[in-house]
Amino acid sequence: MTDLYLDTEFNGFGGELISIALVNGESAFYEVLEIDGQYEPWVAENVIPILEKEPISKEVLRYWLFKFLGEFDNPTIYADS
C-alpha cells in the first residue's frame, strides 16, 4: 500500500482550485490549473509567483493525475483541511 499526501492551493477562500500536489517519499505529482476568472489580489501577490509552473486545463490535469495514480496499487491519500 502507498501513502500519498495531498496539498492544494485555491483562489481565495472557497475559490477555484489553482494547484494540486500528491507526494510520498519516492514520487511526486504537481500541476497548476487554469482558472476561469482573475486571481484574488492576495493570491496573485503571494501564491502565483511561487507556483513555478504554467497552468494547464482541467482535461490535461485529469489525464496526468490518472496516469500518476495508476502507478500505485490501492493508494491511501491523506489531506489536511
N, C-alpha and C. Protein backbone atom coordinates (compact mmCIF):
# COMPACT_ATOMS: atom_id res chain seq x y z
N MET A 1 0.84 -1.17 0.00
CA MET A 1 0.00 0.00 0.00
C MET A 1 0.89 1.24 0.00
N THR A 2 0.46 2.27 -0.71
CA THR A 2 1.21 3.51 -0.82
C THR A 2 0.45 4.64 -0.15
N ASP A 3 1.16 5.42 0.66
CA ASP A 3 0.58 6.62 1.25
C ASP A 3 0.97 7.82 0.40
N LEU A 4 -0.02 8.61 0.00
CA LEU A 4 0.21 9.85 -0.73
C LEU A 4 -0.35 11.00 0.10
N TYR A 5 0.34 12.12 0.07
CA TYR A 5 -0.08 13.29 0.83
C TYR A 5 -0.47 14.40 -0.14
N LEU A 6 -1.65 14.96 0.08
CA LEU A 6 -2.25 15.93 -0.82
C LEU A 6 -2.03 17.35 -0.31
N ASP A 7 -1.66 18.24 -1.23
CA ASP A 7 -1.59 19.67 -0.93
C ASP A 7 -2.25 20.41 -2.09
N THR A 8 -3.00 21.43 -1.77
CA THR A 8 -3.71 22.20 -2.80
C THR A 8 -3.61 23.68 -2.50
N GLU A 9 -3.83 24.47 -3.53
CA GLU A 9 -3.97 25.93 -3.40
C GLU A 9 -5.25 26.31 -4.12
N PHE A 10 -5.97 27.27 -3.54
CA PHE A 10 -7.22 27.74 -4.12
C PHE A 10 -7.17 29.24 -4.34
N ASN A 11 -8.03 29.73 -5.20
CA ASN A 11 -8.12 31.16 -5.49
C ASN A 11 -8.99 31.83 -4.42
N GLY A 12 -8.42 31.99 -3.23
CA GLY A 12 -9.14 32.58 -2.13
C GLY A 12 -9.99 31.54 -1.42
N PHE A 13 -10.65 31.95 -0.35
CA PHE A 13 -11.48 31.05 0.43
C PHE A 13 -12.68 30.60 -0.40
N GLY A 14 -12.81 29.30 -0.64
CA GLY A 14 -13.91 28.77 -1.43
C GLY A 14 -13.77 28.98 -2.93
N GLY A 15 -12.61 29.45 -3.37
CA GLY A 15 -12.39 29.73 -4.79
C GLY A 15 -11.99 28.49 -5.58
N GLU A 16 -11.71 28.72 -6.85
CA GLU A 16 -11.32 27.63 -7.75
C GLU A 16 -9.98 27.02 -7.35
N LEU A 17 -9.83 25.74 -7.66
CA LEU A 17 -8.57 25.04 -7.44
C LEU A 17 -7.50 25.64 -8.35
N ILE A 18 -6.35 25.99 -7.78
CA ILE A 18 -5.24 26.56 -8.55
C ILE A 18 -4.14 25.52 -8.77
N SER A 19 -3.81 24.76 -7.72
CA SER A 19 -2.75 23.77 -7.87
C SER A 19 -3.04 22.56 -7.00
N ILE A 20 -2.43 21.45 -7.40
CA ILE A 20 -2.59 20.20 -6.67
C ILE A 20 -1.25 19.47 -6.67
N ALA A 21 -0.92 18.91 -5.52
CA ALA A 21 0.29 18.10 -5.40
C ALA A 21 -0.04 16.84 -4.61
N LEU A 22 0.50 15.73 -5.05
CA LEU A 22 0.44 14.45 -4.33
C LEU A 22 1.87 13.95 -4.23
N VAL A 23 2.30 13.65 -3.01
CA VAL A 23 3.69 13.23 -2.82
C VAL A 23 3.78 12.07 -1.84
N ASN A 24 4.83 11.29 -2.01
CA ASN A 24 5.28 10.34 -1.00
C ASN A 24 6.80 10.43 -1.00
N GLY A 25 7.47 9.55 -0.35
CA GLY A 25 8.92 9.64 -0.27
C GLY A 25 9.65 9.38 -1.57
N GLU A 26 8.96 8.81 -2.56
CA GLU A 26 9.63 8.40 -3.79
C GLU A 26 9.12 9.07 -5.05
N SER A 27 7.88 9.53 -5.07
CA SER A 27 7.30 10.13 -6.27
C SER A 27 6.52 11.38 -5.91
N ALA A 28 6.29 12.18 -6.95
CA ALA A 28 5.52 13.41 -6.74
C ALA A 28 4.74 13.75 -8.01
N PHE A 29 3.56 14.31 -7.79
CA PHE A 29 2.72 14.83 -8.86
C PHE A 29 2.42 16.27 -8.49
N TYR A 30 2.63 17.19 -9.43
CA TYR A 30 2.34 18.60 -9.15
C TYR A 30 1.91 19.28 -10.45
N GLU A 31 0.77 19.93 -10.42
CA GLU A 31 0.30 20.69 -11.57
C GLU A 31 -0.42 21.95 -11.11
N VAL A 32 -0.44 22.93 -11.99
CA VAL A 32 -1.14 24.19 -11.77
C VAL A 32 -2.25 24.27 -12.81
N LEU A 33 -3.43 24.69 -12.36
CA LEU A 33 -4.60 24.73 -13.23
C LEU A 33 -4.93 26.12 -13.73
N GLU A 34 -5.46 26.17 -14.95
CA GLU A 34 -6.04 27.41 -15.46
C GLU A 34 -7.33 27.69 -14.68
N ILE A 35 -7.62 28.97 -14.47
CA ILE A 35 -8.89 29.31 -13.84
C ILE A 35 -9.70 30.17 -14.81
N ASP A 36 -11.00 30.26 -14.55
CA ASP A 36 -11.89 30.99 -15.44
C ASP A 36 -11.79 32.50 -15.31
N GLY A 37 -11.55 33.00 -14.12
CA GLY A 37 -11.53 34.45 -13.91
C GLY A 37 -10.17 34.96 -13.54
N GLN A 38 -10.16 36.02 -12.75
CA GLN A 38 -8.92 36.61 -12.27
C GLN A 38 -8.60 36.06 -10.88
N TYR A 39 -7.32 36.12 -10.53
CA TYR A 39 -6.91 35.70 -9.21
C TYR A 39 -7.32 36.75 -8.18
N GLU A 40 -7.67 36.29 -6.99
CA GLU A 40 -7.90 37.21 -5.88
C GLU A 40 -6.60 37.98 -5.63
N PRO A 41 -6.67 39.25 -5.22
CA PRO A 41 -5.44 40.05 -5.05
C PRO A 41 -4.38 39.39 -4.16
N TRP A 42 -4.78 38.83 -3.02
CA TRP A 42 -3.80 38.21 -2.14
C TRP A 42 -3.15 37.01 -2.82
N VAL A 43 -3.93 36.21 -3.52
CA VAL A 43 -3.42 35.04 -4.22
C VAL A 43 -2.46 35.46 -5.33
N ALA A 44 -2.84 36.49 -6.08
CA ALA A 44 -1.98 36.98 -7.17
C ALA A 44 -0.62 37.46 -6.64
N GLU A 45 -0.63 38.07 -5.47
CA GLU A 45 0.60 38.61 -4.91
C GLU A 45 1.45 37.58 -4.18
N ASN A 46 0.81 36.63 -3.50
CA ASN A 46 1.55 35.73 -2.61
C ASN A 46 1.66 34.28 -3.05
N VAL A 47 0.76 33.82 -3.90
CA VAL A 47 0.76 32.41 -4.29
C VAL A 47 1.27 32.21 -5.71
N ILE A 48 0.71 32.93 -6.65
CA ILE A 48 1.04 32.73 -8.07
C ILE A 48 2.54 32.85 -8.34
N PRO A 49 3.25 33.82 -7.75
CA PRO A 49 4.69 33.93 -8.05
C PRO A 49 5.52 32.72 -7.63
N ILE A 50 5.04 31.90 -6.70
CA ILE A 50 5.86 30.77 -6.23
C ILE A 50 5.43 29.43 -6.81
N LEU A 51 4.42 29.41 -7.67
CA LEU A 51 3.97 28.14 -8.23
C LEU A 51 4.96 27.54 -9.21
N GLU A 52 5.69 28.37 -9.93
CA GLU A 52 6.78 27.94 -10.81
C GLU A 52 6.38 26.92 -11.87
N LYS A 53 5.16 27.03 -12.37
CA LYS A 53 4.71 26.12 -13.41
C LYS A 53 3.61 26.81 -14.22
N GLU A 54 3.55 26.53 -15.51
CA GLU A 54 2.50 27.09 -16.35
C GLU A 54 1.19 26.34 -16.11
N PRO A 55 0.08 27.06 -16.06
CA PRO A 55 -1.22 26.41 -15.86
C PRO A 55 -1.62 25.52 -17.04
N ILE A 56 -2.34 24.44 -16.73
CA ILE A 56 -2.87 23.53 -17.74
C ILE A 56 -4.39 23.44 -17.56
N SER A 57 -5.06 22.89 -18.56
CA SER A 57 -6.52 22.74 -18.49
C SER A 57 -6.90 21.60 -17.55
N LYS A 58 -8.15 21.59 -17.13
CA LYS A 58 -8.65 20.52 -16.26
C LYS A 58 -8.58 19.17 -16.96
N GLU A 59 -8.80 19.15 -18.27
CA GLU A 59 -8.74 17.90 -19.02
C GLU A 59 -7.34 17.32 -19.01
N VAL A 60 -6.34 18.17 -19.22
CA VAL A 60 -4.95 17.71 -19.21
C VAL A 60 -4.56 17.27 -17.80
N LEU A 61 -4.97 18.04 -16.80
CA LEU A 61 -4.72 17.66 -15.41
C LEU A 61 -5.29 16.28 -15.12
N ARG A 62 -6.51 16.05 -15.52
CA ARG A 62 -7.18 14.77 -15.27
C ARG A 62 -6.37 13.62 -15.88
N TYR A 63 -5.91 13.81 -17.10
CA TYR A 63 -5.12 12.78 -17.78
C TYR A 63 -3.86 12.43 -16.97
N TRP A 64 -3.07 13.47 -16.61
CA TRP A 64 -1.82 13.24 -15.91
C TRP A 64 -2.04 12.72 -14.49
N LEU A 65 -3.10 13.16 -13.83
CA LEU A 65 -3.40 12.67 -12.49
C LEU A 65 -3.76 11.19 -12.51
N PHE A 66 -4.63 10.77 -13.44
CA PHE A 66 -4.98 9.35 -13.54
C PHE A 66 -3.76 8.51 -13.90
N LYS A 67 -2.90 9.03 -14.75
CA LYS A 67 -1.68 8.32 -15.11
C LYS A 67 -0.79 8.14 -13.88
N PHE A 68 -0.61 9.19 -13.09
CA PHE A 68 0.19 9.11 -11.87
C PHE A 68 -0.41 8.13 -10.88
N LEU A 69 -1.70 8.24 -10.62
CA LEU A 69 -2.35 7.36 -9.65
C LEU A 69 -2.33 5.90 -10.09
N GLY A 70 -2.32 5.66 -11.41
CA GLY A 70 -2.26 4.31 -11.95
C GLY A 70 -0.96 3.58 -11.64
N GLU A 71 0.05 4.32 -11.18
CA GLU A 71 1.33 3.70 -10.83
C GLU A 71 1.28 2.97 -9.49
N PHE A 72 0.18 3.16 -8.72
CA PHE A 72 0.09 2.61 -7.38
C PHE A 72 -1.07 1.64 -7.26
N ASP A 73 -0.87 0.61 -6.44
CA ASP A 73 -1.96 -0.31 -6.10
C ASP A 73 -2.63 0.19 -4.84
N ASN A 74 -3.89 0.56 -4.96
CA ASN A 74 -4.69 0.95 -3.80
C ASN A 74 -4.03 2.00 -2.91
N PRO A 75 -3.68 3.20 -3.46
CA PRO A 75 -3.04 4.21 -2.63
C PRO A 75 -4.02 4.80 -1.60
N THR A 76 -3.46 5.22 -0.48
CA THR A 76 -4.22 5.96 0.52
C THR A 76 -3.80 7.41 0.42
N ILE A 77 -4.75 8.32 0.26
CA ILE A 77 -4.45 9.74 0.11
C ILE A 77 -4.85 10.46 1.39
N TYR A 78 -3.87 11.17 1.97
CA TYR A 78 -4.10 11.94 3.19
C TYR A 78 -4.19 13.41 2.84
N ALA A 79 -5.17 14.09 3.42
CA ALA A 79 -5.35 15.53 3.21
C ALA A 79 -5.63 16.19 4.55
N ASP A 80 -5.17 17.39 4.70
CA ASP A 80 -5.42 18.18 5.91
C ASP A 80 -6.19 19.42 5.48
N SER A 81 -7.31 19.64 6.11
CA SER A 81 -8.11 20.81 5.69
C SER A 81 -8.11 21.89 6.73
